[in-house]
Amino acid sequence: MEKFTAIFERDGDYWIGYVEELPGANTQGVTLDEVRENLREAVSMVIEANREIVRREYEGKNVVREQLTVVI
């Protein structure tokens, strides 16, 4: 389980949400609950897309892949 900072902004009839630490993870919705749920999905999609890009880029190359823990 990862923790990110979600930012929510009212824009007329909608809420806009994005993740401070993850450019590209953003969404909008009518309610805050809708935006929160959409944002969780957006985060998962961006992370998985980034992983796939890196997998393809380094496919067949001699690399070391390991987990990295960061405490902020």
Protein backbone atom coordinates (compact mmCIF):
# COMPACT_ATOMS: atom_id res chain seq x y z
CA MET A 1 0.00 0.00 0.00
CA GLU A 2 1.43 3.33 -1.07
CA LYS A 3 0.46 6.77 0.11
CA PHE A 4 0.24 9.79 -2.18
CA THR A 5 -0.96 13.36 -1.79
CA ALA A 6 -4.27 13.96 -3.55
CA ILE A 7 -5.23 17.52 -4.44
CA PHE A 8 -8.88 18.38 -5.11
CA GLU A 9 -10.05 21.59 -6.72
CA ARG A 10 -13.59 22.78 -7.37
CA ASP A 11 -14.16 23.91 -10.98
CA GLY A 12 -17.76 24.98 -11.53
CA ASP A 13 -20.00 21.93 -11.20
CA TYR A 14 -17.07 19.51 -11.12
CA TRP A 15 -14.19 18.50 -8.91
CA ILE A 16 -10.74 18.01 -10.38
CA GLY A 17 -8.31 15.69 -8.63
CA TYR A 18 -4.66 15.00 -9.17
CA VAL A 19 -1.74 13.39 -7.37
CA GLU A 20 1.05 15.72 -6.36
CA GLU A 21 3.79 13.10 -6.65
CA LEU A 22 2.65 11.45 -9.88
CA PRO A 23 2.28 13.63 -12.99
CA GLY A 24 -0.39 12.27 -15.29
CA ALA A 25 -2.60 10.89 -12.54
CA ASN A 26 -5.60 13.18 -12.69
CA THR A 27 -9.35 12.99 -13.07
CA GLN A 28 -12.60 14.86 -12.62
CA GLY A 29 -16.06 14.11 -11.34
CA VAL A 30 -19.23 15.56 -9.92
CA THR A 31 -18.63 14.48 -6.32
CA LEU A 32 -15.49 14.22 -4.22
CA ASP A 33 -16.18 10.51 -3.64
CA GLU A 34 -16.33 9.94 -7.40
CA VAL A 35 -13.07 11.83 -7.92
CA ARG A 36 -11.33 9.92 -5.11
CA GLU A 37 -12.30 6.58 -6.64
CA ASN A 38 -11.37 7.72 -10.16
CA LEU A 39 -8.03 9.00 -8.86
CA ARG A 40 -7.20 5.64 -7.28
CA GLU A 41 -7.80 4.02 -10.65
CA ALA A 42 -5.77 6.71 -12.46
CA VAL A 43 -2.81 6.15 -10.11
CA SER A 44 -2.91 2.40 -10.76
CA MET A 45 -3.12 2.94 -14.51
CA VAL A 46 -0.22 5.43 -14.61
CA ILE A 47 2.03 3.20 -12.50
CA GLU A 48 1.23 0.13 -14.59
CA ALA A 49 1.79 2.06 -17.84
CA ASN A 50 5.16 3.32 -16.56
CA ARG A 51 6.16 -0.22 -15.59
CA GLU A 52 5.24 -1.52 -19.03
CA ILE A 53 7.22 1.24 -20.76
CA VAL A 54 10.32 0.40 -18.70
CA ARG A 55 9.88 -3.35 -19.23
CA ARG A 56 9.83 -2.84 -22.99
CA GLU A 57 12.73 -0.39 -22.94
CA TYR A 58 15.00 -2.76 -21.01
CA GLU A 59 13.78 -6.05 -22.48
CA GLY A 60 16.73 -8.31 -23.25
CA LYS A 61 19.20 -6.05 -21.46
CA ASN A 62 21.27 -7.03 -18.45
CA VAL A 63 19.59 -5.10 -15.63
CA VAL A 64 18.94 -5.55 -11.94
CA ARG A 65 15.38 -4.98 -10.81
CA GLU A 66 14.65 -4.67 -7.09
CA GLN A 67 12.21 -3.00 -4.73
CA LEU A 68 13.16 0.36 -3.30
CA THR A 69 11.72 1.68 -0.05
CA VAL A 70 11.71 5.41 0.52
CA VAL A 71 10.76 7.05 3.80
CA ILE A 72 9.93 10.73 3.54
